[in-house]
Structure formats: C-alpha cells, structure tokens
C-alpha cells in the first residue's frame, strides 16, 4: 500500500511541476504533453497494480515492480534518443543562422564610427 501512495504522490507532484513550468513558460507545450502523460501513466499504474503483478507472474518476473522499472528504463532511453535528435536539429539551425549572420555582416558597409576608429589606430 505504501508503494501505491508513494507513486501517486510522485505522479501528482510531477503533474503540478509540469503545469507550473508551462505557466512560467520554462517548458514548451510539446514537452509538457510528454511529462503530463508520464504523470497520468504513474496515476494509472497505481490503479493497475494488481494487473501488473499478474502480468509479471505470467511473464516470469519476480515482481511487478521489475516490469515497471524495465518499462521506465526503456522510456528514458527513448526520451534520450528523442532529445538527441532534437538537439541535432537545433545545432544545424544555429550553424545555418551563424553562417547567415556572418554573410550579412560581411556585406554591410562599415559604419562611420567604425571607419574613424580604424583611422585612429
């Protein structure tokens, strides 16, 4: 019973933190949906504990918690891969923007103040 209370509390706190981060605009809505789904899944795990234990027994696991932890590790691996892909896309965009800024700065004529500073040197 204590495990269910703990998982329920963690899921509820997770949901509240996600909502607060979205309210403060610290977390994008797409990621908020992901972490809200994690919180809801935690709440559903509390309700489905007898079914998970039955599945664990059928699948040959020692306990239902082993199934949950295995799924949690798999989920974290998938999230890590997704975030790596997201970071790669952002790095490509930053590189493109840096190239465009460099081209734009190279095309612009020097400012009057810059020309005077070069003459003073």
N, C-alpha and C. Protein backbone atom coordinates (compact mmCIF):
# COMPACT_ATOMS: atom_id res chain seq x y z
N UNK A 1 0.82 -1.21 0.00
CA UNK A 1 0.00 0.00 0.00
C UNK A 1 0.86 1.26 0.00
N UNK A 2 2.00 1.20 0.72
CA UNK A 2 2.86 2.38 0.77
C UNK A 2 3.44 2.71 -0.60
N UNK A 3 3.73 1.68 -1.41
CA UNK A 3 4.26 1.91 -2.75
C UNK A 3 3.25 2.68 -3.60
N UNK A 4 1.99 2.29 -3.52
CA UNK A 4 0.96 2.98 -4.30
C UNK A 4 0.83 4.45 -3.88
N UNK A 5 0.90 4.70 -2.59
CA UNK A 5 0.81 6.08 -2.10
C UNK A 5 2.02 6.88 -2.58
N UNK A 6 3.19 6.27 -2.54
CA UNK A 6 4.40 6.96 -2.99
C UNK A 6 4.32 7.28 -4.48
N UNK A 7 3.95 6.30 -5.30
CA UNK A 7 3.86 6.51 -6.75
C UNK A 7 2.80 7.56 -7.06
N UNK A 8 1.68 7.51 -6.37
CA UNK A 8 0.63 8.51 -6.56
C UNK A 8 1.14 9.91 -6.23
N UNK A 9 1.86 10.04 -5.12
CA UNK A 9 2.39 11.34 -4.71
C UNK A 9 3.41 11.87 -5.73
N UNK A 10 4.30 11.00 -6.19
CA UNK A 10 5.30 11.42 -7.17
C UNK A 10 4.62 11.85 -8.47
N UNK A 11 3.62 11.11 -8.92
CA UNK A 11 2.91 11.46 -10.15
C UNK A 11 2.17 12.78 -9.99
N UNK A 12 1.55 13.00 -8.85
CA UNK A 12 0.83 14.26 -8.62
C UNK A 12 1.79 15.45 -8.58
N UNK A 13 2.92 15.28 -7.91
CA UNK A 13 3.92 16.36 -7.85
C UNK A 13 4.48 16.63 -9.25
N UNK A 14 4.73 15.57 -10.01
CA UNK A 14 5.21 15.72 -11.39
C UNK A 14 4.23 16.54 -12.21
N UNK A 15 2.97 16.24 -12.11
CA UNK A 15 1.95 16.97 -12.86
C UNK A 15 1.90 18.44 -12.45
N UNK A 16 1.97 18.70 -11.16
CA UNK A 16 1.96 20.09 -10.68
C UNK A 16 3.19 20.86 -11.15
N UNK A 17 4.35 20.23 -11.11
CA UNK A 17 5.59 20.89 -11.55
C UNK A 17 5.52 21.20 -13.04
N UNK A 18 5.03 20.26 -13.82
CA UNK A 18 4.91 20.48 -15.27
C UNK A 18 3.97 21.65 -15.55
N UNK A 19 2.84 21.68 -14.88
CA UNK A 19 1.89 22.78 -15.09
C UNK A 19 2.49 24.12 -14.68
N UNK A 20 3.25 24.14 -13.61
CA UNK A 20 3.89 25.38 -13.17
C UNK A 20 4.96 25.84 -14.17
N UNK A 21 5.74 24.89 -14.69
CA UNK A 21 6.75 25.25 -15.69
C UNK A 21 6.11 25.78 -16.97
N UNK A 22 4.99 25.21 -17.36
CA UNK A 22 4.30 25.72 -18.56
C UNK A 22 3.75 27.12 -18.28
N UNK A 23 3.22 27.32 -17.10
CA UNK A 23 2.68 28.63 -16.74
C UNK A 23 3.77 29.70 -16.77
N UNK A 24 4.97 29.34 -16.32
CA UNK A 24 6.09 30.29 -16.31
C UNK A 24 6.84 30.33 -17.64
N UNK A 25 6.37 29.57 -18.60
CA UNK A 25 6.98 29.48 -19.93
C UNK A 25 8.42 28.98 -19.88
N UNK A 26 8.69 28.04 -18.97
CA UNK A 26 10.00 27.42 -18.86
C UNK A 26 10.04 26.08 -19.59
N UNK A 27 8.88 25.58 -19.99
CA UNK A 27 8.77 24.28 -20.64
C UNK A 27 7.82 24.41 -21.83
N UNK A 28 8.28 23.94 -22.98
CA UNK A 28 7.45 24.00 -24.19
C UNK A 28 6.25 23.07 -24.04
N UNK A 29 5.18 23.42 -24.73
CA UNK A 29 3.95 22.64 -24.63
C UNK A 29 4.14 21.20 -25.11
N UNK A 30 4.98 21.01 -26.14
CA UNK A 30 5.19 19.64 -26.64
C UNK A 30 5.83 18.76 -25.57
N UNK A 31 6.79 19.30 -24.83
CA UNK A 31 7.40 18.53 -23.75
C UNK A 31 6.46 18.43 -22.56
N UNK A 32 5.64 19.43 -22.36
CA UNK A 32 4.67 19.39 -21.27
C UNK A 32 3.69 18.24 -21.48
N UNK A 33 3.30 18.01 -22.73
CA UNK A 33 2.40 16.89 -23.03
C UNK A 33 3.07 15.56 -22.69
N UNK A 34 4.34 15.45 -23.02
CA UNK A 34 5.08 14.22 -22.72
C UNK A 34 5.13 13.96 -21.23
N UNK A 35 5.52 14.96 -20.44
CA UNK A 35 5.68 14.76 -19.00
C UNK A 35 4.33 14.69 -18.29
N UNK A 36 3.32 15.31 -18.84
CA UNK A 36 1.97 15.14 -18.29
C UNK A 36 1.49 13.70 -18.52
N UNK A 37 1.82 13.16 -19.68
CA UNK A 37 1.46 11.76 -19.96
C UNK A 37 2.19 10.82 -19.00
N UNK A 38 3.43 11.16 -18.65
CA UNK A 38 4.16 10.35 -17.67
C UNK A 38 3.45 10.39 -16.32
N UNK A 39 2.99 11.57 -15.91
CA UNK A 39 2.29 11.71 -14.64
C UNK A 39 0.99 10.91 -14.65
N UNK A 40 0.25 11.00 -15.73
CA UNK A 40 -1.01 10.25 -15.84
C UNK A 40 -0.73 8.75 -15.84
N UNK A 41 0.35 8.33 -16.52
CA UNK A 41 0.72 6.92 -16.51
C UNK A 41 1.06 6.45 -15.10
N UNK A 42 1.72 7.31 -14.33
CA UNK A 42 2.00 6.97 -12.93
C UNK A 42 0.73 6.78 -12.13
N UNK A 43 -0.23 7.65 -12.37
CA UNK A 43 -1.52 7.51 -11.67
C UNK A 43 -2.24 6.22 -12.10
N UNK A 44 -2.14 5.90 -13.37
CA UNK A 44 -2.77 4.66 -13.85
C UNK A 44 -2.06 3.43 -13.31
N UNK A 45 -0.76 3.52 -13.12
CA UNK A 45 -0.02 2.39 -12.55
C UNK A 45 -0.51 2.06 -11.15
N UNK A 46 -0.87 3.09 -10.40
CA UNK A 46 -1.39 2.86 -9.06
C UNK A 46 -2.69 2.05 -9.13
N UNK A 47 -3.53 2.41 -10.08
CA UNK A 47 -4.81 1.71 -10.22
C UNK A 47 -4.65 0.31 -10.80
N UNK A 48 -3.62 0.11 -11.63
CA UNK A 48 -3.45 -1.16 -12.33
C UNK A 48 -2.45 -2.08 -11.63
N UNK A 49 -2.09 -1.82 -10.41
CA UNK A 49 -1.08 -2.62 -9.72
C UNK A 49 -1.41 -4.11 -9.70
N UNK A 50 -2.64 -4.53 -9.42
CA UNK A 50 -2.92 -5.99 -9.44
C UNK A 50 -2.70 -6.60 -10.83
N UNK A 51 -3.07 -5.87 -11.88
CA UNK A 51 -2.88 -6.37 -13.25
C UNK A 51 -1.39 -6.48 -13.58
N UNK A 52 -0.61 -5.51 -13.13
CA UNK A 52 0.83 -5.54 -13.39
C UNK A 52 1.46 -6.74 -12.69
N UNK A 53 1.03 -7.01 -11.47
CA UNK A 53 1.56 -8.18 -10.75
C UNK A 53 1.17 -9.48 -11.46
N UNK A 54 -0.04 -9.55 -11.99
CA UNK A 54 -0.46 -10.74 -12.74
C UNK A 54 0.38 -10.90 -14.01
N UNK A 55 0.61 -9.80 -14.71
CA UNK A 55 1.43 -9.85 -15.92
C UNK A 55 2.86 -10.27 -15.59
N UNK A 56 3.41 -9.73 -14.50
CA UNK A 56 4.77 -10.09 -14.10
C UNK A 56 4.88 -11.58 -13.81
N UNK A 57 3.90 -12.11 -13.13
CA UNK A 57 3.91 -13.55 -12.84
C UNK A 57 3.83 -14.36 -14.13
N UNK A 58 2.97 -13.94 -15.05
CA UNK A 58 2.82 -14.63 -16.33
C UNK A 58 4.10 -14.55 -17.16
N UNK A 59 4.77 -13.38 -17.15
CA UNK A 59 5.96 -13.16 -17.96
C UNK A 59 7.23 -13.73 -17.32
N UNK A 60 7.16 -14.11 -16.05
CA UNK A 60 8.31 -14.71 -15.40
C UNK A 60 9.17 -13.74 -14.61
N UNK A 61 8.65 -12.57 -14.33
CA UNK A 61 9.38 -11.60 -13.50
C UNK A 61 9.17 -11.95 -12.03
N UNK A 62 10.11 -11.52 -11.20
CA UNK A 62 9.99 -11.76 -9.76
C UNK A 62 8.83 -10.97 -9.17
N UNK A 63 8.71 -9.71 -9.61
CA UNK A 63 7.67 -8.84 -9.04
C UNK A 63 7.21 -7.86 -10.11
N UNK A 64 6.07 -7.26 -9.86
CA UNK A 64 5.52 -6.26 -10.78
C UNK A 64 6.39 -5.02 -10.87
N UNK A 65 7.10 -4.71 -9.79
CA UNK A 65 7.98 -3.53 -9.82
C UNK A 65 9.10 -3.70 -10.83
N UNK A 66 9.54 -4.94 -11.06
CA UNK A 66 10.58 -5.18 -12.07
C UNK A 66 10.07 -4.82 -13.46
N UNK A 67 8.82 -5.12 -13.73
CA UNK A 67 8.22 -4.76 -15.02
C UNK A 67 8.16 -3.24 -15.15
N UNK A 68 7.71 -2.58 -14.11
CA UNK A 68 7.58 -1.12 -14.14
C UNK A 68 8.95 -0.47 -14.33
N UNK A 69 9.95 -0.93 -13.59
CA UNK A 69 11.29 -0.34 -13.73
C UNK A 69 11.87 -0.62 -15.11
N UNK A 70 11.63 -1.79 -15.66
CA UNK A 70 12.11 -2.10 -17.01
C UNK A 70 11.47 -1.17 -18.04
N UNK A 71 10.17 -0.96 -17.90
CA UNK A 71 9.48 -0.04 -18.82
C UNK A 71 9.95 1.40 -18.63
N UNK A 72 10.24 1.77 -17.38
CA UNK A 72 10.72 3.12 -17.11
C UNK A 72 12.09 3.34 -17.75
N UNK A 73 12.97 2.35 -17.66
CA UNK A 73 14.29 2.47 -18.28
C UNK A 73 14.15 2.55 -19.80
N UNK A 74 13.29 1.74 -20.38
CA UNK A 74 13.04 1.80 -21.82
C UNK A 74 12.51 3.18 -22.22
N UNK A 75 11.60 3.72 -21.43
CA UNK A 75 11.06 5.05 -21.70
C UNK A 75 12.16 6.10 -21.67
N UNK A 76 13.05 6.03 -20.68
CA UNK A 76 14.14 7.01 -20.58
C UNK A 76 15.11 6.91 -21.74
N UNK A 77 15.34 5.71 -22.23
CA UNK A 77 16.20 5.54 -23.41
C UNK A 77 15.54 6.20 -24.62
N UNK A 78 14.25 5.98 -24.80
CA UNK A 78 13.53 6.59 -25.93
C UNK A 78 13.54 8.11 -25.82
N UNK A 79 13.33 8.65 -24.62
CA UNK A 79 13.36 10.10 -24.43
C UNK A 79 14.75 10.65 -24.73
N UNK A 80 15.79 9.94 -24.31
CA UNK A 80 17.16 10.38 -24.58
C UNK A 80 17.44 10.43 -26.08
N UNK A 81 16.98 9.43 -26.81
CA UNK A 81 17.16 9.43 -28.26
C UNK A 81 16.40 10.59 -28.89
N UNK A 82 15.17 10.80 -28.45
CA UNK A 82 14.37 11.90 -28.99
C UNK A 82 15.04 13.25 -28.72
N UNK A 83 15.52 13.46 -27.51
CA UNK A 83 16.18 14.73 -27.18
C UNK A 83 17.48 14.90 -27.95
N UNK A 84 18.20 13.82 -28.19
CA UNK A 84 19.41 13.89 -29.00
C UNK A 84 19.08 14.32 -30.43
N UNK A 85 18.00 13.79 -30.98
CA UNK A 85 17.58 14.20 -32.32
C UNK A 85 17.18 15.67 -32.32
N UNK A 86 16.49 16.10 -31.28
CA UNK A 86 16.06 17.50 -31.17
C UNK A 86 17.27 18.43 -31.08
N UNK A 87 18.26 18.06 -30.30
CA UNK A 87 19.47 18.87 -30.16
C UNK A 87 20.22 18.94 -31.48
N UNK A 88 20.28 17.83 -32.20
CA UNK A 88 20.96 17.82 -33.50
C UNK A 88 20.28 18.79 -34.46
N UNK A 89 18.96 18.79 -34.49
CA UNK A 89 18.23 19.72 -35.36
C UNK A 89 18.52 21.16 -34.97
N UNK A 90 18.53 21.44 -33.67
CA UNK A 90 18.81 22.80 -33.22
C UNK A 90 20.24 23.23 -33.54
N UNK A 91 21.20 22.31 -33.42
CA UNK A 91 22.58 22.63 -33.77
C UNK A 91 22.70 22.99 -35.25
N UNK A 92 22.01 22.26 -36.10
CA UNK A 92 22.03 22.55 -37.53
C UNK A 92 21.43 23.92 -37.81
N UNK A 93 20.35 24.28 -37.12
CA UNK A 93 19.73 25.59 -37.31
C UNK A 93 20.65 26.70 -36.82
N UNK A 94 21.33 26.49 -35.69
CA UNK A 94 22.24 27.51 -35.17
C UNK A 94 23.41 27.71 -36.13
N UNK A 95 23.93 26.63 -36.69
CA UNK A 95 25.02 26.74 -37.65
C UNK A 95 24.59 27.53 -38.88
N UNK A 96 23.40 27.25 -39.39
CA UNK A 96 22.88 27.97 -40.55
C UNK A 96 22.69 29.45 -40.23
N UNK A 97 22.12 29.74 -39.06
CA UNK A 97 21.93 31.14 -38.67
C UNK A 97 23.27 31.86 -38.50
N UNK A 98 24.26 31.20 -37.95
CA UNK A 98 25.58 31.81 -37.79
C UNK A 98 26.19 32.13 -39.15
N UNK A 99 26.03 31.24 -40.10
CA UNK A 99 26.53 31.50 -41.45
C UNK A 99 25.82 32.69 -42.08
N UNK A 100 24.50 32.76 -41.92
CA UNK A 100 23.74 33.87 -42.48
C UNK A 100 24.13 35.20 -41.84
N UNK A 101 24.32 35.22 -40.53
CA UNK A 101 24.74 36.44 -39.85
C UNK A 101 26.12 36.86 -40.32
N UNK A 102 27.02 35.90 -40.49
CA UNK A 102 28.36 36.22 -40.96
C UNK A 102 28.31 36.82 -42.36
N UNK A 103 27.47 36.26 -43.22
CA UNK A 103 27.34 36.81 -44.57
C UNK A 103 26.74 38.21 -44.54
N UNK A 104 25.72 38.41 -43.72
CA UNK A 104 25.09 39.72 -43.64
C UNK A 104 26.05 40.77 -43.10
N UNK A 105 26.81 40.43 -42.11
CA UNK A 105 27.77 41.38 -41.54
C UNK A 105 28.90 41.67 -42.52
N UNK A 106 29.26 40.71 -43.34
CA UNK A 106 30.32 40.93 -44.32
C UNK A 106 29.86 41.80 -45.47
N UNK A 107 28.57 41.83 -45.78
CA UNK A 107 28.05 42.58 -46.91
C UNK A 107 27.79 44.03 -46.53
N UNK A 108 27.50 44.30 -45.28
CA UNK A 108 27.15 45.66 -44.86
C UNK A 108 28.37 46.57 -44.93
N UNK A 109 28.16 47.82 -45.37
CA UNK A 109 29.27 48.77 -45.37
C UNK A 109 29.64 49.14 -43.94
N UNK A 110 30.89 49.48 -43.71
CA UNK A 110 31.29 49.85 -42.35
C UNK A 110 30.59 51.13 -41.90
N UNK A 111 30.31 51.20 -40.63
CA UNK A 111 29.67 52.38 -40.06
C UNK A 111 30.69 53.53 -40.00
N UNK A 112 30.20 54.75 -39.90
CA UNK A 112 31.08 55.92 -39.84
C UNK A 112 31.96 55.85 -38.60
N UNK A 113 31.39 55.45 -37.48
CA UNK A 113 32.16 55.35 -36.23
C UNK A 113 33.23 54.28 -36.34
N UNK A 114 32.98 53.21 -37.06
CA UNK A 114 33.96 52.14 -37.24
C UNK A 114 35.12 52.63 -38.09
N UNK A 115 34.83 53.41 -39.13
CA UNK A 115 35.88 53.93 -40.00
C UNK A 115 36.79 54.88 -39.24
N UNK A 116 36.23 55.72 -38.38
CA UNK A 116 37.02 56.64 -37.58
C UNK A 116 37.90 55.88 -36.60
N UNK A 117 37.39 54.81 -36.03
CA UNK A 117 38.16 54.02 -35.08
C UNK A 117 39.32 53.33 -35.78
N UNK A 118 39.12 52.90 -37.03
CA UNK A 118 40.20 52.26 -37.76
C UNK A 118 41.29 53.27 -38.14
N UNK A 119 40.89 54.49 -38.47
CA UNK A 119 41.87 55.53 -38.80
C UNK A 119 42.69 55.94 -37.58
N UNK A 120 42.07 55.90 -36.41
CA UNK A 120 42.77 56.31 -35.20
C UNK A 120 43.84 55.28 -34.83
N UNK A 121 43.68 54.05 -35.25
CA UNK A 121 44.66 53.02 -34.92
C UNK A 121 45.84 53.20 -35.79
